PDB file of all heavy atoms in Angstrom:
ATOM      1  N   GLN A   1     156.315 -37.946 -48.873  1.00  0.00           N
ATOM      2  CA  GLN A   1     155.110 -37.703 -49.669  1.00  0.00           C
ATOM      3  C   GLN A   1     154.271 -36.575 -49.073  1.00  0.00           C
ATOM      4  O   GLN A   1     153.044 -36.651 -49.009  1.00  0.00           O
ATOM      5  CB  GLN A   1     154.272 -38.992 -49.769  1.00  0.00           C
ATOM      6  CG  GLN A   1     155.006 -40.161 -50.408  1.00  0.00           C
ATOM      7  CD  GLN A   1     155.390 -39.879 -51.850  1.00  0.00           C
ATOM      8  OE1 GLN A   1     154.546 -39.539 -52.666  1.00  0.00           O
ATOM      9  NE2 GLN A   1     156.668 -39.997 -52.162  1.00  0.00           N
ATOM     10  N   LYS A   2     154.925 -35.509 -48.642  1.00  0.00           N
ATOM     11  CA  LYS A   2     154.236 -34.414 -47.969  1.00  0.00           C
ATOM     12  C   LYS A   2     153.534 -33.505 -48.963  1.00  0.00           C
ATOM     13  O   LYS A   2     154.092 -33.146 -49.998  1.00  0.00           O
ATOM     14  CB  LYS A   2     155.219 -33.603 -47.127  1.00  0.00           C
ATOM     15  CG  LYS A   2     155.741 -34.365 -45.918  1.00  0.00           C
ATOM     16  CD  LYS A   2     156.757 -33.550 -45.156  1.00  0.00           C
ATOM     17  CE  LYS A   2     157.293 -34.346 -43.974  1.00  0.00           C
ATOM     18  NZ  LYS A   2     158.378 -33.617 -43.271  1.00  0.00           N
ATOM     19  N   THR A   3     152.304 -33.139 -48.608  1.00  0.00           N
ATOM     20  CA  THR A   3     151.493 -32.217 -49.407  1.00  0.00           C
ATOM     21  C   THR A   3     150.949 -31.143 -48.472  1.00  0.00           C
ATOM     22  O   THR A   3     150.335 -31.468 -47.458  1.00  0.00           O
ATOM     23  CB  THR A   3     150.323 -32.948 -50.081  1.00  0.00           C
ATOM     24  OG1 THR A   3     150.819 -33.991 -50.905  1.00  0.00           O
ATOM     25  CG2 THR A   3     149.503 -31.988 -50.930  1.00  0.00           C
ATOM     26  N   ARG A   4     151.192 -29.896 -48.813  1.00  0.00           N
ATOM     27  CA  ARG A   4     150.692 -28.800 -47.991  1.00  0.00           C
ATOM     28  C   ARG A   4     150.143 -27.701 -48.909  1.00  0.00           C
ATOM     29  O   ARG A   4     150.691 -27.454 -49.979  1.00  0.00           O
ATOM     30  CB  ARG A   4     151.803 -28.199 -47.128  1.00  0.00           C
ATOM     31  CG  ARG A   4     152.458 -29.166 -46.162  1.00  0.00           C
ATOM     32  CD  ARG A   4     151.595 -29.456 -44.947  1.00  0.00           C
ATOM     33  NE  ARG A   4     152.326 -30.239 -43.972  1.00  0.00           N
ATOM     34  CZ  ARG A   4     152.415 -31.566 -43.964  1.00  0.00           C
ATOM     35  NH1 ARG A   4     151.814 -32.259 -44.922  1.00  0.00           N
ATOM     36  NH2 ARG A   4     153.098 -32.201 -43.028  1.00  0.00           N
ATOM     37  N   TYR A   5     149.087 -27.040 -48.441  1.00  0.00           N
ATOM     38  CA  TYR A   5     148.608 -25.865 -49.151  1.00  0.00           C
ATOM     39  C   TYR A   5     147.866 -24.959 -48.176  1.00  0.00           C
ATOM     40  O   TYR A   5     147.426 -25.397 -47.100  1.00  0.00           O
ATOM     41  CB  TYR A   5     147.710 -26.238 -50.336  1.00  0.00           C
ATOM     42  CG  TYR A   5     146.379 -26.868 -49.982  1.00  0.00           C
ATOM     43  CD1 TYR A   5     145.246 -26.089 -49.764  1.00  0.00           C
ATOM     44  CD2 TYR A   5     146.260 -28.255 -49.882  1.00  0.00           C
ATOM     45  CE1 TYR A   5     144.038 -26.661 -49.452  1.00  0.00           C
ATOM     46  CE2 TYR A   5     145.056 -28.838 -49.569  1.00  0.00           C
ATOM     47  CZ  TYR A   5     143.945 -28.043 -49.355  1.00  0.00           C
ATOM     48  OH  TYR A   5     142.734 -28.621 -49.031  1.00  0.00           O
ATOM     49  N   SER A   6     147.750 -23.694 -48.555  1.00  0.00           N
ATOM     50  CA  SER A   6     147.070 -22.718 -47.713  1.00  0.00           C
ATOM     51  C   SER A   6     146.275 -21.750 -48.572  1.00  0.00           C
ATOM     52  O   SER A   6     146.790 -21.244 -49.577  1.00  0.00           O
ATOM     53  CB  SER A   6     148.075 -21.931 -46.867  1.00  0.00           C
ATOM     54  OG  SER A   6     147.461 -20.826 -46.225  1.00  0.00           O
ATOM     55  N   ASP A   7     145.018 -21.479 -48.160  1.00  0.00           N
ATOM     56  CA  ASP A   7     144.201 -20.459 -48.817  1.00  0.00           C
ATOM     57  C   ASP A   7     144.508 -19.058 -48.282  1.00  0.00           C
ATOM     58  O   ASP A   7     144.084 -18.066 -48.887  1.00  0.00           O
ATOM     59  CB  ASP A   7     142.708 -20.754 -48.593  1.00  0.00           C
ATOM     60  CG  ASP A   7     142.254 -22.015 -49.287  1.00  0.00           C
ATOM     61  OD1 ASP A   7     142.578 -22.191 -50.466  1.00  0.00           O
ATOM     62  OD2 ASP A   7     141.585 -22.845 -48.638  1.00  0.00           O
ATOM     63  N   ASP A   8     145.191 -18.983 -47.148  1.00  0.00           N
ATOM     64  CA  ASP A   8     145.565 -17.715 -46.525  1.00  0.00           C
ATOM     65  C   ASP A   8     144.403 -16.723 -46.497  1.00  0.00           C
ATOM     66  O   ASP A   8     144.485 -15.608 -47.034  1.00  0.00           O
ATOM     67  CB  ASP A   8     146.774 -17.100 -47.208  1.00  0.00           C
ATOM     68  CG  ASP A   8     147.381 -15.954 -46.386  1.00  0.00           C
ATOM     69  OD1 ASP A   8     147.206 -15.968 -45.150  1.00  0.00           O
ATOM     70  OD2 ASP A   8     147.999 -15.056 -46.980  1.00  0.00           O
ATOM     71  N   ARG A   9     143.325 -17.163 -45.882  1.00  0.00           N
ATOM     72  CA  ARG A   9     142.137 -16.322 -45.627  1.00  0.00           C
ATOM     73  C   ARG A   9     141.280 -16.064 -46.849  1.00  0.00           C
ATOM     74  O   ARG A   9     140.308 -15.317 -46.771  1.00  0.00           O
ATOM     75  CB  ARG A   9     142.551 -14.985 -44.979  1.00  0.00           C
ATOM     76  CG  ARG A   9     143.136 -15.156 -43.584  1.00  0.00           C
ATOM     77  CD  ARG A   9     143.753 -13.880 -43.016  1.00  0.00           C
ATOM     78  NE  ARG A   9     144.991 -13.548 -43.709  1.00  0.00           N
ATOM     79  CZ  ARG A   9     145.153 -12.479 -44.470  1.00  0.00           C
ATOM     80  NH1 ARG A   9     144.146 -11.625 -44.653  1.00  0.00           N
ATOM     81  NH2 ARG A   9     146.313 -12.242 -45.053  1.00  0.00           N
ATOM     82  N   GLU A  10     141.605 -16.652 -47.978  1.00  0.00           N
ATOM     83  CA  GLU A  10     140.653 -16.673 -49.090  1.00  0.00           C
ATOM     84  C   GLU A  10     139.586 -17.720 -48.765  1.00  0.00           C
ATOM     85  O   GLU A  10     139.807 -18.594 -47.915  1.00  0.00           O
ATOM     86  CB  GLU A  10     141.352 -17.046 -50.403  1.00  0.00           C
ATOM     87  CG  GLU A  10     142.350 -16.035 -50.929  1.00  0.00           C
ATOM     88  CD  GLU A  10     141.677 -14.838 -51.614  1.00  0.00           C
ATOM     89  OE1 GLU A  10     140.541 -14.481 -51.244  1.00  0.00           O
ATOM     90  OE2 GLU A  10     142.318 -14.243 -52.495  1.00  0.00           O
ATOM     91  N   PRO A  11     138.396 -17.659 -49.387  1.00  0.00           N
ATOM     92  CA  PRO A  11     137.381 -18.682 -49.136  1.00  0.00           C
ATOM     93  C   PRO A  11     137.939 -20.090 -49.358  1.00  0.00           C
ATOM     94  O   PRO A  11     138.715 -20.323 -50.292  1.00  0.00           O
ATOM     95  CB  PRO A  11     136.281 -18.344 -50.149  1.00  0.00           C
ATOM     96  CG  PRO A  11     136.437 -16.874 -50.386  1.00  0.00           C
ATOM     97  CD  PRO A  11     137.911 -16.615 -50.314  1.00  0.00           C
ATOM     98  N   GLN A  12     137.559 -20.992 -48.485  1.00  0.00           N
ATOM     99  CA  GLN A  12     138.107 -22.345 -48.521  1.00  0.00           C
ATOM    100  C   GLN A  12     137.971 -22.994 -49.906  1.00  0.00           C
ATOM    101  O   GLN A  12     136.902 -22.969 -50.509  1.00  0.00           O
ATOM    102  CB  GLN A  12     137.405 -23.222 -47.481  1.00  0.00           C
ATOM    103  CG  GLN A  12     137.994 -24.616 -47.365  1.00  0.00           C
ATOM    104  CD  GLN A  12     137.336 -25.415 -46.242  1.00  0.00           C
ATOM    105  OE1 GLN A  12     136.429 -24.930 -45.563  1.00  0.00           O
ATOM    106  NE2 GLN A  12     137.796 -26.628 -46.042  1.00  0.00           N
ATOM    107  N   GLY A  13     139.077 -23.554 -50.378  1.00  0.00           N
ATOM    108  CA  GLY A  13     139.059 -24.281 -51.642  1.00  0.00           C
ATOM    109  C   GLY A  13     139.204 -23.422 -52.885  1.00  0.00           C
ATOM    110  O   GLY A  13     139.216 -23.949 -53.995  1.00  0.00           O
ATOM    111  N   THR A  14     139.355 -22.094 -52.724  1.00  0.00           N
ATOM    112  CA  THR A  14     139.393 -21.213 -53.898  1.00  0.00           C
ATOM    113  C   THR A  14     140.801 -20.812 -54.311  1.00  0.00           C
ATOM    114  O   THR A  14     140.977 -20.189 -55.358  1.00  0.00           O
ATOM    115  CB  THR A  14     138.607 -19.915 -53.641  1.00  0.00           C
ATOM    116  OG1 THR A  14     139.247 -19.180 -52.577  1.00  0.00           O
ATOM    117  CG2 THR A  14     137.171 -20.204 -53.274  1.00  0.00           C
ATOM    118  N   ALA A  15     141.815 -21.154 -53.497  1.00  0.00           N
ATOM    119  CA  ALA A  15     143.147 -20.601 -53.741  1.00  0.00           C
ATOM    120  C   ALA A  15     144.241 -21.673 -53.657  1.00  0.00           C
ATOM    121  O   ALA A  15     144.833 -22.053 -54.659  1.00  0.00           O
ATOM    122  CB  ALA A  15     143.422 -19.475 -52.746  1.00  0.00           C
ATOM    123  N   GLY A  16     144.525 -22.143 -52.439  1.00  0.00           N
ATOM    124  CA  GLY A  16     145.595 -23.121 -52.270  1.00  0.00           C
ATOM    125  C   GLY A  16     145.367 -24.415 -53.020  1.00  0.00           C
ATOM    126  O   GLY A  16     146.288 -24.957 -53.651  1.00  0.00           O
ATOM    127  N   LEU A  17     144.135 -24.907 -52.975  1.00  0.00           N
ATOM    128  CA  LEU A  17     143.844 -26.180 -53.661  1.00  0.00           C
ATOM    129  C   LEU A  17     143.971 -26.063 -55.180  1.00  0.00           C
ATOM    130  O   LEU A  17     144.563 -26.946 -55.814  1.00  0.00           O
ATOM    131  CB  LEU A  17     142.455 -26.675 -53.265  1.00  0.00           C
ATOM    132  CG  LEU A  17     142.108 -28.104 -53.704  1.00  0.00           C
ATOM    133  CD1 LEU A  17     143.131 -29.102 -53.179  1.00  0.00           C
ATOM    134  CD2 LEU A  17     140.700 -28.475 -53.228  1.00  0.00           C
ATOM    135  N   PRO A  18     143.446 -25.008 -55.823  1.00  0.00           N
ATOM    136  CA  PRO A  18     143.686 -24.859 -57.262  1.00  0.00           C
ATOM    137  C   PRO A  18     145.169 -24.782 -57.623  1.00  0.00           C
ATOM    138  O   PRO A  18     145.589 -25.336 -58.653  1.00  0.00           O
ATOM    139  CB  PRO A  18     142.972 -23.545 -57.607  1.00  0.00           C
ATOM    140  CG  PRO A  18     141.890 -23.436 -56.600  1.00  0.00           C
ATOM    141  CD  PRO A  18     142.482 -23.999 -55.330  1.00  0.00           C
ATOM    142  N   VAL A  19     145.972 -24.134 -56.791  1.00  0.00           N
ATOM    143  CA  VAL A  19     147.411 -24.073 -57.040  1.00  0.00           C
ATOM    144  C   VAL A  19     148.032 -25.467 -56.924  1.00  0.00           C
ATOM    145  O   VAL A  19     148.860 -25.884 -57.743  1.00  0.00           O
ATOM    146  CB  VAL A  19     148.095 -23.086 -56.075  1.00  0.00           C
ATOM    147  CG1 VAL A  19     149.610 -23.152 -56.204  1.00  0.00           C
ATOM    148  CG2 VAL A  19     147.611 -21.666 -56.335  1.00  0.00           C
ATOM    149  N   LEU A  20     147.606 -26.200 -55.900  1.00  0.00           N
ATOM    150  CA  LEU A  20     148.087 -27.576 -55.731  1.00  0.00           C
ATOM    151  C   LEU A  20     147.736 -28.442 -56.929  1.00  0.00           C
ATOM    152  O   LEU A  20     148.539 -29.266 -57.386  1.00  0.00           O
ATOM    153  CB  LEU A  20     147.502 -28.175 -54.454  1.00  0.00           C
ATOM    154  CG  LEU A  20     147.891 -29.617 -54.128  1.00  0.00           C
ATOM    155  CD1 LEU A  20     149.391 -29.722 -53.858  1.00  0.00           C
ATOM    156  CD2 LEU A  20     147.090 -30.127 -52.940  1.00  0.00           C
ATOM    157  N   GLU A  21     146.536 -28.249 -57.468  1.00  0.00           N
ATOM    158  CA  GLU A  21     146.108 -29.052 -58.620  1.00  0.00           C
ATOM    159  C   GLU A  21     146.963 -28.786 -59.849  1.00  0.00           C
ATOM    160  O   GLU A  21     147.162 -29.672 -60.676  1.00  0.00           O
ATOM    161  CB  GLU A  21     144.627 -28.778 -58.925  1.00  0.00           C
ATOM    162  CG  GLU A  21     143.674 -29.452 -57.953  1.00  0.00           C
ATOM    163  CD  GLU A  21     143.868 -30.956 -57.923  1.00  0.00           C
ATOM    164  OE1 GLU A  21     143.757 -31.588 -59.000  1.00  0.00           O
ATOM    165  OE2 GLU A  21     144.160 -31.499 -56.841  1.00  0.00           O
ATOM    166  N   VAL A  22     147.485 -27.561 -59.979  1.00  0.00           N
ATOM    167  CA  VAL A  22     148.390 -27.269 -61.100  1.00  0.00           C
ATOM    168  C   VAL A  22     149.636 -28.146 -60.998  1.00  0.00           C
ATOM    169  O   VAL A  22     150.104 -28.710 -61.991  1.00  0.00           O
ATOM    170  CB  VAL A  22     148.763 -25.774 -61.124  1.00  0.00           C
ATOM    171  CG1 VAL A  22     149.875 -25.510 -62.145  1.00  0.00           C
ATOM    172  CG2 VAL A  22     147.542 -24.930 -61.455  1.00  0.00           C
ATOM    173  N   LEU A  23     150.189 -28.289 -59.779  1.00  0.00           N
ATOM    174  CA  LEU A  23     151.344 -29.164 -59.588  1.00  0.00           C
ATOM    175  C   LEU A  23     150.985 -30.619 -59.850  1.00  0.00           C
ATOM    176  O   LEU A  23     151.714 -31.339 -60.535  1.00  0.00           O
ATOM    177  CB  LEU A  23     151.885 -29.004 -58.165  1.00  0.00           C
ATOM    178  CG  LEU A  23     152.529 -27.665 -57.813  1.00  0.00           C
ATOM    179  CD1 LEU A  23     152.910 -27.629 -56.348  1.00  0.00           C
ATOM    180  CD2 LEU A  23     153.750 -27.402 -58.689  1.00  0.00           C
ATOM    181  N   ARG A  24     149.861 -31.046 -59.318  1.00  0.00           N
ATOM    182  CA  ARG A  24     149.453 -32.446 -59.473  1.00  0.00           C
ATOM    183  C   ARG A  24     149.214 -32.812 -60.934  1.00  0.00           C
ATOM    184  O   ARG A  24     149.668 -33.858 -61.407  1.00  0.00           O
ATOM    185  CB  ARG A  24     148.182 -32.708 -58.665  1.00  0.00           C
ATOM    186  CG  ARG A  24     148.423 -32.871 -57.169  1.00  0.00           C
ATOM    187  CD  ARG A  24     147.117 -33.066 -56.444  1.00  0.00           C
ATOM    188  NE  ARG A  24     147.313 -33.482 -55.053  1.00  0.00           N
ATOM    189  CZ  ARG A  24     146.379 -33.432 -54.125  1.00  0.00           C
ATOM    190  NH1 ARG A  24     145.156 -32.986 -54.437  1.00  0.00           N
ATOM    191  NH2 ARG A  24     146.632 -33.827 -52.893  1.00  0.00           N
ATOM    192  N   LYS A  25     148.482 -31.970 -61.652  1.00  0.00           N
ATOM    193  CA  LYS A  25     148.149 -32.286 -63.043  1.00  0.00           C
ATOM    194  C   LYS A  25     149.374 -32.323 -63.946  1.00  0.00           C
ATOM    195  O   LYS A  25     149.362 -32.979 -64.992  1.00  0.00           O
ATOM    196  CB  LYS A  25     147.122 -31.286 -63.572  1.00  0.00           C
ATOM    197  CG  LYS A  25     145.737 -31.476 -62.959  1.00  0.00           C
ATOM    198  CD  LYS A  25     144.759 -30.412 -63.436  1.00  0.00           C
ATOM    199  CE  LYS A  25     143.391 -30.616 -62.798  1.00  0.00           C
ATOM    200  NZ  LYS A  25     142.423 -29.563 -63.186  1.00  0.00           N
ATOM    201  N   ASN A  26     150.420 -31.628 -63.525  1.00  0.00           N
ATOM    202  CA  ASN A  26     151.661 -31.652 -64.302  1.00  0.00           C
ATOM    203  C   ASN A  26     152.679 -32.635 -63.737  1.00  0.00           C
ATOM    204  O   ASN A  26     153.817 -32.683 -64.204  1.00  0.00           O
ATOM    205  CB  ASN A  26     152.246 -30.247 -64.378  1.00  0.00           C
ATOM    206  CG  ASN A  26     151.455 -29.361 -65.320  1.00  0.00           C
ATOM    207  OD1 ASN A  26     151.611 -29.436 -66.522  1.00  0.00           O
ATOM    208  ND2 ASN A  26     150.573 -28.534 -64.776  1.00  0.00           N
ATOM    209  N   GLY A  27     152.259 -33.398 -62.743  1.00  0.00           N
ATOM    210  CA  GLY A  27     153.111 -34.454 -62.210  1.00  0.00           C
ATOM    211  C   GLY A  27     154.333 -33.962 -61.463  1.00  0.00           C
ATOM    212  O   GLY A  27     155.316 -34.690 -61.325  1.00  0.00           O
ATOM    213  N   CYS A  28     154.304 -32.730 -60.958  1.00  0.00           N
ATOM    214  CA  CYS A  28     155.483 -32.146 -60.318  1.00  0.00           C
ATOM    215  C   CYS A  28     155.565 -32.482 -58.843  1.00  0.00           C
ATOM    216  O   CYS A  28     154.563 -32.374 -58.109  1.00  0.00           O
ATOM    217  CB  CYS A  28     155.471 -30.631 -60.466  1.00  0.00           C
ATOM    218  SG  CYS A  28     155.778 -30.060 -62.142  1.00  0.00           S
ATOM    219  N   THR A  29     156.741 -32.844 -58.402  1.00  0.00           N
ATOM    220  CA  THR A  29     157.008 -33.002 -56.984  1.00  0.00           C
ATOM    221  C   THR A  29     158.315 -32.292 -56.652  1.00  0.00           C
ATOM    222  O   THR A  29     158.996 -31.796 -57.558  1.00  0.00           O
ATOM    223  CB  THR A  29     157.066 -34.487 -56.587  1.00  0.00           C
ATOM    224  OG1 THR A  29     157.115 -34.602 -55.165  1.00  0.00           O
ATOM    225  CG2 THR A  29     158.254 -35.185 -57.214  1.00  0.00           C
ATOM    226  N   ASP A  30     158.640 -32.205 -55.355  1.00  0.00           N
ATOM    227  CA  ASP A  30     159.725 -31.330 -54.913  1.00  0.00           C
ATOM    228  C   ASP A  30     159.519 -29.952 -55.536  1.00  0.00           C
ATOM    229  O   ASP A  30     160.444 -29.348 -56.110  1.00  0.00           O
ATOM    230  CB  ASP A  30     161.087 -31.905 -55.280  1.00  0.00           C
ATOM    231  CG  ASP A  30     161.551 -32.957 -54.273  1.00  0.00           C
ATOM    232  OD1 ASP A  30     160.792 -33.261 -53.339  1.00  0.00           O
ATOM    233  OD2 ASP A  30     162.677 -33.465 -54.425  1.00  0.00           O
ATOM    234  N   ALA A  31     158.301 -29.460 -55.424  1.00  0.00           N
ATOM    235  CA  ALA A  31     157.911 -28.225 -56.113  1.00  0.00           C
ATOM    236  C   ALA A  31     157.012 -27.386 -55.214  1.00  0.00           C
ATOM    237  O   ALA A  31     156.195 -27.908 -54.454  1.00  0.00           O
ATOM    238  CB  ALA A  31     157.182 -28.549 -57.408  1.00  0.00           C
ATOM    239  N   LEU A  32     157.170 -26.076 -55.320  1.00  0.00           N
ATOM    240  CA  LEU A  32     156.387 -25.106 -54.548  1.00  0.00           C
ATOM    241  C   LEU A  32     155.923 -24.001 -55.475  1.00  0.00           C
ATOM    242  O   LEU A  32     156.696 -23.524 -56.310  1.00  0.00           O
ATOM    243  CB  LEU A  32     157.250 -24.502 -53.437  1.00  0.00           C
ATOM    244  CG  LEU A  32     156.810 -23.166 -52.816  1.00  0.00           C
ATOM    245  CD1 LEU A  32     155.550 -23.342 -51.966  1.00  0.00           C
ATOM    246  CD2 LEU A  32     157.946 -22.561 -51.982  1.00  0.00           C
ATOM    247  N   ILE A  33     154.658 -23.586 -55.318  1.00  0.00           N
ATOM    248  CA  ILE A  33     154.157 -22.383 -55.984  1.00  0.00           C
ATOM    249  C   ILE A  33     153.519 -21.496 -54.922  1.00  0.00           C
ATOM    250  O   ILE A  33     152.696 -21.962 -54.126  1.00  0.00           O
ATOM    251  CB  ILE A  33     153.131 -22.702 -57.075  1.00  0.00           C
ATOM    252  CG1 ILE A  33     153.779 -23.488 -58.217  1.00  0.00           C
ATOM    253  CG2 ILE A  33     152.530 -21.406 -57.639  1.00  0.00           C
ATOM    254  CD1 ILE A  33     152.807 -23.875 -59.322  1.00  0.00           C
ATOM    255  N   THR A  34     153.913 -20.230 -54.918  1.00  0.00           N
ATOM    256  CA  THR A  34     153.240 -19.233 -54.077  1.00  0.00           C
ATOM    257  C   THR A  34     152.524 -18.258 -55.003  1.00  0.00           C
ATOM    258  O   THR A  34     152.999 -17.984 -56.110  1.00  0.00           O
ATOM    259  CB  THR A  34     154.236 -18.457 -53.205  1.00  0.00           C
ATOM    260  OG1 THR A  34     155.127 -17.702 -54.041  1.00  0.00           O
ATOM    261  CG2 THR A  34     155.047 -19.397 -52.321  1.00  0.00           C
ATOM    262  N   VAL A  35     151.390 -17.749 -54.533  1.00  0.00           N
ATOM    263  CA  VAL A  35     150.676 -16.712 -55.287  1.00  0.00           C
ATOM    264  C   VAL A  35     150.293 -15.604 -54.307  1.00  0.00           C
ATOM    265  O   VAL A  35     149.517 -15.825 -53.367  1.00  0.00           O
ATOM    266  CB  VAL A  35     149.411 -17.243 -55.987  1.00  0.00           C
ATOM    267  CG1 VAL A  35     148.780 -16.121 -56.824  1.00  0.00           C
ATOM    268  CG2 VAL A  35     149.740 -18.438 -56.883  1.00  0.00           C
ATOM    269  N   THR A  36     150.846 -14.430 -54.531  1.00  0.00           N
ATOM    270  CA  THR A  36     150.585 -13.257 -53.699  1.00  0.00           C
ATOM    271  C   THR A  36     149.519 -12.417 -54.381  1.00  0.00           C
ATOM    272  O   THR A  36     149.627 -12.106 -55.565  1.00  0.00           O
ATOM    273  CB  THR A  36     151.869 -12.436 -53.519  1.00  0.00           C
ATOM    274  OG1 THR A  36     152.875 -13.268 -52.926  1.00  0.00           O
ATOM    275  CG2 THR A  36     151.619 -11.223 -52.657  1.00  0.00           C
ATOM    276  N   ARG A  37     148.478 -12.037 -53.618  1.00  0.00           N
ATOM    277  CA  ARG A  37     147.389 -11.258 -54.207  1.00  0.00           C
ATOM    278  C   ARG A  37     147.303  -9.873 -53.604  1.00  0.00           C
ATOM    279  O   ARG A  37     147.253  -9.710 -52.378  1.00  0.00           O
ATOM    280  CB  ARG A  37     146.056 -11.968 -54.006  1.00  0.00           C
ATOM    281  CG  ARG A  37     144.878 -11.213 -54.642  1.00  0.00           C
ATOM    282  CD  ARG A  37     143.543 -11.795 -54.244  1.00  0.00           C
ATOM    283  NE  ARG A  37     142.430 -11.061 -54.855  1.00  0.00           N
ATOM    284  CZ  ARG A  37     141.158 -11.191 -54.496  1.00  0.00           C
ATOM    285  NH1 ARG A  37     140.828 -12.039 -53.543  1.00  0.00           N
ATOM    286  NH2 ARG A  37     140.218 -10.476 -55.091  1.00  0.00           N
ATOM    287  N   TYR A  38     147.246  -8.879 -54.491  1.00  0.00           N
ATOM    288  CA  TYR A  38     146.904  -7.519 -54.098  1.00  0.00           C
ATOM    289  C   TYR A  38     145.467  -7.283 -54.543  1.00  0.00           C
ATOM    290  O   TYR A  38     145.170  -7.293 -55.740  1.00  0.00           O
ATOM    291  CB  TYR A  38     147.855  -6.516 -54.756  1.00  0.00           C
ATOM    292  CG  TYR A  38     149.192  -6.411 -54.064  1.00  0.00           C
ATOM    293  CD1 TYR A  38     150.254  -7.237 -54.436  1.00  0.00           C
ATOM    294  CD2 TYR A  38     149.396  -5.495 -53.032  1.00  0.00           C
ATOM    295  CE1 TYR A  38     151.483  -7.145 -53.800  1.00  0.00           C
ATOM    296  CE2 TYR A  38     150.626  -5.393 -52.396  1.00  0.00           C
ATOM    297  CZ  TYR A  38     151.662  -6.223 -52.774  1.00  0.00           C
ATOM    298  OH  TYR A  38     152.866  -6.131 -52.142  1.00  0.00           O
ATOM    299  N   PHE A  39     144.607  -7.056 -53.571  1.00  0.00           N
ATOM    300  CA  PHE A  39     143.175  -6.906 -53.849  1.00  0.00           C
ATOM    301  C   PHE A  39     142.906  -5.620 -54.615  1.00  0.00           C
ATOM    302  O   PHE A  39     143.396  -4.551 -54.264  1.00  0.00           O
ATOM    303  CB  PHE A  39     142.409  -6.915 -52.535  1.00  0.00           C
ATOM    304  CG  PHE A  39     140.917  -6.822 -52.698  1.00  0.00           C
ATOM    305  CD1 PHE A  39     140.217  -7.723 -53.478  1.00  0.00           C
ATOM    306  CD2 PHE A  39     140.195  -5.820 -52.047  1.00  0.00           C
ATOM    307  CE1 PHE A  39     138.844  -7.642 -53.621  1.00  0.00           C
ATOM    308  CE2 PHE A  39     138.826  -5.729 -52.182  1.00  0.00           C
ATOM    309  CZ  PHE A  39     138.148  -6.645 -52.971  1.00  0.00           C
ATOM    310  N   GLY A  40     142.100  -5.732 -55.687  1.00  0.00           N
ATOM    311  CA  GLY A  40     141.837  -4.585 -56.535  1.00  0.00           C
ATOM    312  C   GLY A  40     140.525  -3.884 -56.269  1.00  0.00           C
ATOM    313  O   GLY A  40     140.151  -2.955 -56.999  1.00  0.00           O
ATOM    314  N   GLY A  41     139.794  -4.322 -55.227  1.00  0.00           N
ATOM    315  CA  GLY A  41     138.548  -3.644 -54.866  1.00  0.00           C
ATOM    316  C   GLY A  41     137.302  -4.268 -55.443  1.00  0.00           C
ATOM    317  O   GLY A  41     136.182  -3.845 -55.112  1.00  0.00           O
TER     318      GLY A  41
END
């Protein structure tokens, strides 16, 4: 029942947790989502 997420230097709670909630709300397990950001200024 492992759950892991990372904001990777984004403000706490603004990145990894919202991604995790997408998995949770759709009932997905054995699942991973990564989101790579290129900053636009």
